[in-house]
Amino acid sequence: MVTTIQVSEELKDRLALRKMSDKDRYEDVIWDLLEDTLELNEQTKIEIKTARKEFSEGKFVTHAELKKELGI
């Protein structure tokens, strides 16, 4: 369902400044703003915990090592 909301000109102008391109919709801008306040889902929390553990165990490749491996 689509609905219309009413915002002040000032808020509309500030939202417009956050658009990455002219094709962005205000809905996209609002979702991006909300994303910072949303709770991470359980799978993401598990993946972050795993990544931190692997990092602390030295199971990672640096950017320089990866570039060398790829011949860049």
PDB file of N, CA and C in Angstrom:
ATOM      1  N   MET A   1       0.834  -1.169   0.000  1.00  0.00           N
ATOM      2  CA  MET A   1       0.000   0.000   0.000  1.00  0.00           C
ATOM      3  C   MET A   1       0.886   1.242   0.000  1.00  0.00           C
ATOM      4  N   VAL A   2       0.576   2.191  -0.815  1.00  0.00           N
ATOM      5  CA  VAL A   2       1.302   3.447  -0.902  1.00  0.00           C
ATOM      6  C   VAL A   2       0.485   4.519  -0.219  1.00  0.00           C
ATOM      7  N   THR A   3       1.171   5.387   0.508  1.00  0.00           N
ATOM      8  CA  THR A   3       0.487   6.486   1.174  1.00  0.00           C
ATOM      9  C   THR A   3       1.286   7.761   0.974  1.00  0.00           C
ATOM     10  N   THR A   4       0.661   8.860   1.244  1.00  0.00           N
ATOM     11  CA  THR A   4       1.314  10.160   1.141  1.00  0.00           C
ATOM     12  C   THR A   4       1.529  10.694   2.543  1.00  0.00           C
ATOM     13  N   ILE A   5       2.697  11.291   2.773  1.00  0.00           N
ATOM     14  CA  ILE A   5       2.941  11.929   4.065  1.00  0.00           C
ATOM     15  C   ILE A   5       3.215  13.404   3.826  1.00  0.00           C
ATOM     16  N   GLN A   6       2.989  14.190   4.850  1.00  0.00           N
ATOM     17  CA  GLN A   6       3.193  15.626   4.736  1.00  0.00           C
ATOM     18  C   GLN A   6       4.411  16.002   5.562  1.00  0.00           C
ATOM     19  N   VAL A   7       5.360  16.705   4.932  1.00  0.00           N
ATOM     20  CA  VAL A   7       6.550  17.175   5.637  1.00  0.00           C
ATOM     21  C   VAL A   7       6.736  18.650   5.306  1.00  0.00           C
ATOM     22  N   SER A   8       7.462  19.326   6.160  1.00  0.00           N
ATOM     23  CA  SER A   8       7.724  20.751   5.928  1.00  0.00           C
ATOM     24  C   SER A   8       8.694  20.913   4.760  1.00  0.00           C
ATOM     25  N   GLU A   9       8.729  22.104   4.202  1.00  0.00           N
ATOM     26  CA  GLU A   9       9.674  22.404   3.119  1.00  0.00           C
ATOM     27  C   GLU A   9      11.111  22.218   3.604  1.00  0.00           C
ATOM     28  N   GLU A  10      11.367  22.624   4.847  1.00  0.00           N
ATOM     29  CA  GLU A  10      12.719  22.498   5.405  1.00  0.00           C
ATOM     30  C   GLU A  10      13.155  21.031   5.439  1.00  0.00           C
ATOM     31  N   LEU A  11      12.279  20.151   5.916  1.00  0.00           N
ATOM     32  CA  LEU A  11      12.617  18.731   5.970  1.00  0.00           C
ATOM     33  C   LEU A  11      12.785  18.159   4.560  1.00  0.00           C
ATOM     34  N   LYS A  12      11.915  18.534   3.653  1.00  0.00           N
ATOM     35  CA  LYS A  12      12.030  18.073   2.266  1.00  0.00           C
ATOM     36  C   LYS A  12      13.371  18.496   1.671  1.00  0.00           C
ATOM     37  N   ASP A  13      13.779  19.725   1.937  1.00  0.00           N
ATOM     38  CA  ASP A  13      15.066  20.211   1.431  1.00  0.00           C
ATOM     39  C   ASP A  13      16.239  19.446   2.039  1.00  0.00           C
ATOM     40  N   ARG A  14      16.134  19.134   3.319  1.00  0.00           N
ATOM     41  CA  ARG A  14      17.224  18.390   3.982  1.00  0.00           C
ATOM     42  C   ARG A  14      17.282  16.951   3.484  1.00  0.00           C
ATOM     43  N   LEU A  15      16.125  16.349   3.239  1.00  0.00           N
ATOM     44  CA  LEU A  15      16.098  15.002   2.672  1.00  0.00           C
ATOM     45  C   LEU A  15      16.685  15.014   1.262  1.00  0.00           C
ATOM     46  N   ALA A  16      16.372  16.047   0.505  1.00  0.00           N
ATOM     47  CA  ALA A  16      16.889  16.158  -0.862  1.00  0.00           C
ATOM     48  C   ALA A  16      18.419  16.201  -0.867  1.00  0.00           C
ATOM     49  N   LEU A  17      19.008  16.819   0.141  1.00  0.00           N
ATOM     50  CA  LEU A  17      20.469  16.891   0.233  1.00  0.00           C
ATOM     51  C   LEU A  17      21.099  15.514   0.458  1.00  0.00           C
ATOM     52  N   ARG A  18      20.335  14.585   0.996  1.00  0.00           N
ATOM     53  CA  ARG A  18      20.839  13.243   1.281  1.00  0.00           C
ATOM     54  C   ARG A  18      20.697  12.287   0.102  1.00  0.00           C
ATOM     55  N   LYS A  19      20.037  12.725  -0.953  1.00  0.00           N
ATOM     56  CA  LYS A  19      19.896  11.876  -2.133  1.00  0.00           C
ATOM     57  C   LYS A  19      21.264  11.672  -2.779  1.00  0.00           C
ATOM     58  N   MET A  20      21.544  10.444  -3.167  1.00  0.00           N
ATOM     59  CA  MET A  20      22.801  10.147  -3.837  1.00  0.00           C
ATOM     60  C   MET A  20      22.731  10.517  -5.315  1.00  0.00           C
ATOM     61  N   SER A  21      21.536  10.487  -5.876  1.00  0.00           N
ATOM     62  CA  SER A  21      21.331  10.876  -7.272  1.00  0.00           C
ATOM     63  C   SER A  21      19.918  11.414  -7.413  1.00  0.00           C
ATOM     64  N   ASP A  22      19.670  12.032  -8.542  1.00  0.00           N
ATOM     65  CA  ASP A  22      18.326  12.566  -8.790  1.00  0.00           C
ATOM     66  C   ASP A  22      17.284  11.462  -8.903  1.00  0.00           C
ATOM     67  N   LYS A  23      17.738  10.242  -9.187  1.00  0.00           N
ATOM     68  CA  LYS A  23      16.816   9.111  -9.334  1.00  0.00           C
ATOM     69  C   LYS A  23      16.363   8.547  -7.993  1.00  0.00           C
ATOM     70  N   ASP A  24      17.094   8.876  -6.911  1.00  0.00           N
ATOM     71  CA  ASP A  24      16.701   8.393  -5.589  1.00  0.00           C
ATOM     72  C   ASP A  24      15.331   8.936  -5.224  1.00  0.00           C
ATOM     73  N   ARG A  25      14.562   8.077  -4.559  1.00  0.00           N
ATOM     74  CA  ARG A  25      13.258   8.492  -4.057  1.00  0.00           C
ATOM     75  C   ARG A  25      13.418   8.902  -2.601  1.00  0.00           C
ATOM     76  N   TYR A  26      12.520   9.714  -2.113  1.00  0.00           N
ATOM     77  CA  TYR A  26      12.574  10.095  -0.708  1.00  0.00           C
ATOM     78  C   TYR A  26      12.437   8.860   0.180  1.00  0.00           C
ATOM     79  N   GLU A  27      11.706   7.875  -0.274  1.00  0.00           N
ATOM     80  CA  GLU A  27      11.578   6.629   0.496  1.00  0.00           C
ATOM     81  C   GLU A  27      12.945   5.981   0.704  1.00  0.00           C
ATOM     82  N   ASP A  28      13.779   5.988  -0.350  1.00  0.00           N
ATOM     83  CA  ASP A  28      15.126   5.417  -0.233  1.00  0.00           C
ATOM     84  C   ASP A  28      15.938   6.165   0.820  1.00  0.00           C
ATOM     85  N   VAL A  29      15.834   7.482   0.799  1.00  0.00           N
ATOM     86  CA  VAL A  29      16.571   8.305   1.764  1.00  0.00           C
ATOM     87  C   VAL A  29      16.115   7.984   3.182  1.00  0.00           C
ATOM     88  N   ILE A  30      14.819   7.881   3.382  1.00  0.00           N
ATOM     89  CA  ILE A  30      14.279   7.593   4.714  1.00  0.00           C
ATOM     90  C   ILE A  30      14.709   6.207   5.181  1.00  0.00           C
ATOM     91  N   TRP A  31      14.660   5.205   4.294  1.00  0.00           N
ATOM     92  CA  TRP A  31      15.103   3.857   4.666  1.00  0.00           C
ATOM     93  C   TRP A  31      16.581   3.861   5.063  1.00  0.00           C
ATOM     94  N   ASP A  32      17.397   4.609   4.330  1.00  0.00           N
ATOM     95  CA  ASP A  32      18.817   4.702   4.676  1.00  0.00           C
ATOM     96  C   ASP A  32      19.005   5.300   6.067  1.00  0.00           C
ATOM     97  N   LEU A  33      18.219   6.301   6.396  1.00  0.00           N
ATOM     98  CA  LEU A  33      18.302   6.912   7.720  1.00  0.00           C
ATOM     99  C   LEU A  33      17.851   5.938   8.807  1.00  0.00           C
ATOM    100  N   LEU A  34      16.809   5.184   8.528  1.00  0.00           N
ATOM    101  CA  LEU A  34      16.294   4.230   9.511  1.00  0.00           C
ATOM    102  C   LEU A  34      17.231   3.053   9.724  1.00  0.00           C
ATOM    103  N   GLU A  35      17.959   2.697   8.697  1.00  0.00           N
ATOM    104  CA  GLU A  35      18.834   1.529   8.765  1.00  0.00           C
ATOM    105  C   GLU A  35      19.812   1.623   9.931  1.00  0.00           C
ATOM    106  N   ASP A  36      20.279   2.832  10.230  1.00  0.00           N
ATOM    107  CA  ASP A  36      21.220   3.018  11.328  1.00  0.00           C
ATOM    108  C   ASP A  36      20.614   2.712  12.691  1.00  0.00           C
ATOM    109  N   THR A  37      19.300   2.719  12.784  1.00  0.00           N
ATOM    110  CA  THR A  37      18.661   2.495  14.074  1.00  0.00           C
ATOM    111  C   THR A  37      18.040   1.108  14.206  1.00  0.00           C
ATOM    112  N   LEU A  38      18.073   0.338  13.130  1.00  0.00           N
ATOM    113  CA  LEU A  38      17.456  -0.984  13.166  1.00  0.00           C
ATOM    114  C   LEU A  38      18.357  -1.984  13.881  1.00  0.00           C
ATOM    115  N   GLU A  39      17.765  -2.922  14.540  1.00  0.00           N
ATOM    116  CA  GLU A  39      18.483  -3.980  15.234  1.00  0.00           C
ATOM    117  C   GLU A  39      19.026  -4.975  14.212  1.00  0.00           C
ATOM    118  N   LEU A  40      20.238  -5.448  14.438  1.00  0.00           N
ATOM    119  CA  LEU A  40      20.808  -6.470  13.565  1.00  0.00           C
ATOM    120  C   LEU A  40      20.069  -7.785  13.777  1.00  0.00           C
ATOM    121  N   ASN A  41      19.861  -8.549  12.708  1.00  0.00           N
ATOM    122  CA  ASN A  41      19.204  -9.844  12.881  1.00  0.00           C
ATOM    123  C   ASN A  41      20.195 -10.843  13.463  1.00  0.00           C
ATOM    124  N   GLU A  42      19.694 -11.954  13.950  1.00  0.00           N
ATOM    125  CA  GLU A  42      20.529 -12.927  14.652  1.00  0.00           C
ATOM    126  C   GLU A  42      21.644 -13.485  13.760  1.00  0.00           C
ATOM    127  N   GLN A  43      21.349 -13.731  12.488  1.00  0.00           N
ATOM    128  CA  GLN A  43      22.361 -14.267  11.572  1.00  0.00           C
ATOM    129  C   GLN A  43      23.516 -13.285  11.416  1.00  0.00           C
ATOM    130  N   THR A  44      23.212 -12.015  11.297  1.00  0.00           N
ATOM    131  CA  THR A  44      24.258 -10.998  11.165  1.00  0.00           C
ATOM    132  C   THR A  44      25.099 -10.932  12.431  1.00  0.00           C
ATOM    133  N   LYS A  45      24.454 -11.019  13.597  1.00  0.00           N
ATOM    134  CA  LYS A  45      25.202 -11.011  14.865  1.00  0.00           C
ATOM    135  C   LYS A  45      26.155 -12.195  14.937  1.00  0.00           C
ATOM    136  N   ILE A  46      25.708 -13.372  14.496  1.00  0.00           N
ATOM    137  CA  ILE A  46      26.551 -14.570  14.491  1.00  0.00           C
ATOM    138  C   ILE A  46      27.746 -14.372  13.550  1.00  0.00           C
ATOM    139  N   GLU A  47      27.484 -13.812  12.363  1.00  0.00           N
ATOM    140  CA  GLU A  47      28.549 -13.594  11.387  1.00  0.00           C
ATOM    141  C   GLU A  47      29.576 -12.588  11.898  1.00  0.00           C
ATOM    142  N   ILE A  48      29.141 -11.557  12.585  1.00  0.00           N
ATOM    143  CA  ILE A  48      30.067 -10.576  13.156  1.00  0.00           C
ATOM    144  C   ILE A  48      30.919 -11.223  14.235  1.00  0.00           C
ATOM    145  N   LYS A  49      30.297 -12.021  15.095  1.00  0.00           N
ATOM    146  CA  LYS A  49      31.027 -12.705  16.163  1.00  0.00           C
ATOM    147  C   LYS A  49      32.069 -13.649  15.566  1.00  0.00           C
ATOM    148  N   THR A  50      31.687 -14.382  14.522  1.00  0.00           N
ATOM    149  CA  THR A  50      32.613 -15.303  13.848  1.00  0.00           C
ATOM    150  C   THR A  50      33.770 -14.540  13.219  1.00  0.00           C
ATOM    151  N   ALA A  51      33.468 -13.440  12.552  1.00  0.00           N
ATOM    152  CA  ALA A  51      34.505 -12.635  11.906  1.00  0.00           C
ATOM    153  C   ALA A  51      35.483 -12.070  12.925  1.00  0.00           C
ATOM    154  N   ARG A  52      34.985 -11.604  14.051  1.00  0.00           N
ATOM    155  CA  ARG A  52      35.870 -11.072  15.101  1.00  0.00           C
ATOM    156  C   ARG A  52      36.783 -12.168  15.643  1.00  0.00           C
ATOM    157  N   LYS A  53      36.229 -13.372  15.821  1.00  0.00           N
ATOM    158  CA  LYS A  53      37.024 -14.496  16.324  1.00  0.00           C
ATOM    159  C   LYS A  53      38.123 -14.855  15.318  1.00  0.00           C
ATOM    160  N   GLU A  54      37.747 -14.951  14.039  1.00  0.00           N
ATOM    161  CA  GLU A  54      38.728 -15.272  13.002  1.00  0.00           C
ATOM    162  C   GLU A  54      39.816 -14.209  12.927  1.00  0.00           C
ATOM    163  N   PHE A  55      39.437 -12.948  13.055  1.00  0.00           N
ATOM    164  CA  PHE A  55      40.411 -11.869  13.012  1.00  0.00           C
ATOM    165  C   PHE A  55      41.391 -11.982  14.175  1.00  0.00           C
ATOM    166  N   SER A  56      40.861 -12.235  15.372  1.00  0.00           N
ATOM    167  CA  SER A  56      41.731 -12.336  16.550  1.00  0.00           C
ATOM    168  C   SER A  56      42.661 -13.543  16.459  1.00  0.00           C
ATOM    169  N   GLU A  57      42.272 -14.560  15.674  1.00  0.00           N
ATOM    170  CA  GLU A  57      43.113 -15.742  15.474  1.00  0.00           C
ATOM    171  C   GLU A  57      44.067 -15.563  14.292  1.00  0.00           C
ATOM    172  N   GLY A  58      44.027 -14.380  13.678  1.00  0.00           N
ATOM    173  CA  GLY A  58      44.928 -14.111  12.563  1.00  0.00           C
ATOM    174  C   GLY A  58      44.475 -14.706  11.242  1.00  0.00           C
ATOM    175  N   LYS A  59      43.229 -15.104  11.171  1.00  0.00           N
ATOM    176  CA  LYS A  59      42.687 -15.709   9.946  1.00  0.00           C
ATOM    177  C   LYS A  59      42.120 -14.623   9.034  1.00  0.00           C
ATOM    178  N   PHE A  60      43.029 -13.870   8.434  1.00  0.00           N
ATOM    179  CA  PHE A  60      42.614 -12.817   7.518  1.00  0.00           C
ATOM    180  C   PHE A  60      43.743 -12.533   6.544  1.00  0.00           C
ATOM    181  N   VAL A  61      43.408 -11.807   5.487  1.00  0.00           N
ATOM    182  CA  VAL A  61      44.380 -11.405   4.485  1.00  0.00           C
ATOM    183  C   VAL A  61      44.341  -9.886   4.407  1.00  0.00           C
ATOM    184  N   THR A  62      45.499  -9.244   4.427  1.00  0.00           N
ATOM    185  CA  THR A  62      45.523  -7.791   4.339  1.00  0.00           C
ATOM    186  C   THR A  62      45.248  -7.353   2.903  1.00  0.00           C
ATOM    187  N   HIS A  63      44.941  -6.095   2.754  1.00  0.00           N
ATOM    188  CA  HIS A  63      44.691  -5.538   1.435  1.00  0.00           C
ATOM    189  C   HIS A  63      45.933  -5.687   0.560  1.00  0.00           C
ATOM    190  N   ALA A  64      47.085  -5.398   1.129  1.00  0.00           N
ATOM    191  CA  ALA A  64      48.346  -5.517   0.376  1.00  0.00           C
ATOM    192  C   ALA A  64      48.595  -6.960  -0.067  1.00  0.00           C
ATOM    193  N   GLU A  65      48.326  -7.910   0.832  1.00  0.00           N
ATOM    194  CA  GLU A  65      48.518  -9.325   0.482  1.00  0.00           C
ATOM    195  C   GLU A  65      47.568  -9.744  -0.640  1.00  0.00           C
ATOM    196  N   LEU A  66      46.350  -9.299  -0.570  1.00  0.00           N
ATOM    197  CA  LEU A  66      45.363  -9.644  -1.590  1.00  0.00           C
ATOM    198  C   LEU A  66      45.754  -9.051  -2.947  1.00  0.00           C
ATOM    199  N   LYS A  67      46.212  -7.796  -2.946  1.00  0.00           N
ATOM    200  CA  LYS A  67      46.657  -7.170  -4.192  1.00  0.00           C
ATOM    201  C   LYS A  67      47.826  -7.944  -4.800  1.00  0.00           C
ATOM    202  N   LYS A  68      48.745  -8.362  -3.947  1.00  0.00           N
ATOM    203  CA  LYS A  68      49.904  -9.129  -4.425  1.00  0.00           C
ATOM    204  C   LYS A  68      49.442 -10.469  -5.013  1.00  0.00           C
ATOM    205  N   GLU A  69      48.542 -11.131  -4.315  1.00  0.00           N
ATOM    206  CA  GLU A  69      48.016 -12.417  -4.770  1.00  0.00           C
ATOM    207  C   GLU A  69      47.295 -12.301  -6.108  1.00  0.00           C
ATOM    208  N   LEU A  70      46.579 -11.183  -6.290  1.00  0.00           N
ATOM    209  CA  LEU A  70      45.831 -10.969  -7.523  1.00  0.00           C
ATOM    210  C   LEU A  70      46.676 -10.309  -8.621  1.00  0.00           C
ATOM    211  N   GLY A  71      47.895  -9.940  -8.263  1.00  0.00           N
ATOM    212  CA  GLY A  71      48.780  -9.328  -9.246  1.00  0.00           C
ATOM    213  C   GLY A  71      48.366  -7.914  -9.612  1.00  0.00           C
ATOM    214  N   ILE A  72      47.821  -7.202  -8.664  1.00  0.00           N
ATOM    215  CA  ILE A  72      47.359  -5.831  -8.913  1.00  0.00           C
ATOM    216  C   ILE A  72      48.429  -4.858  -8.456  1.00  0.00           C
TER     217      ILE A  72
END
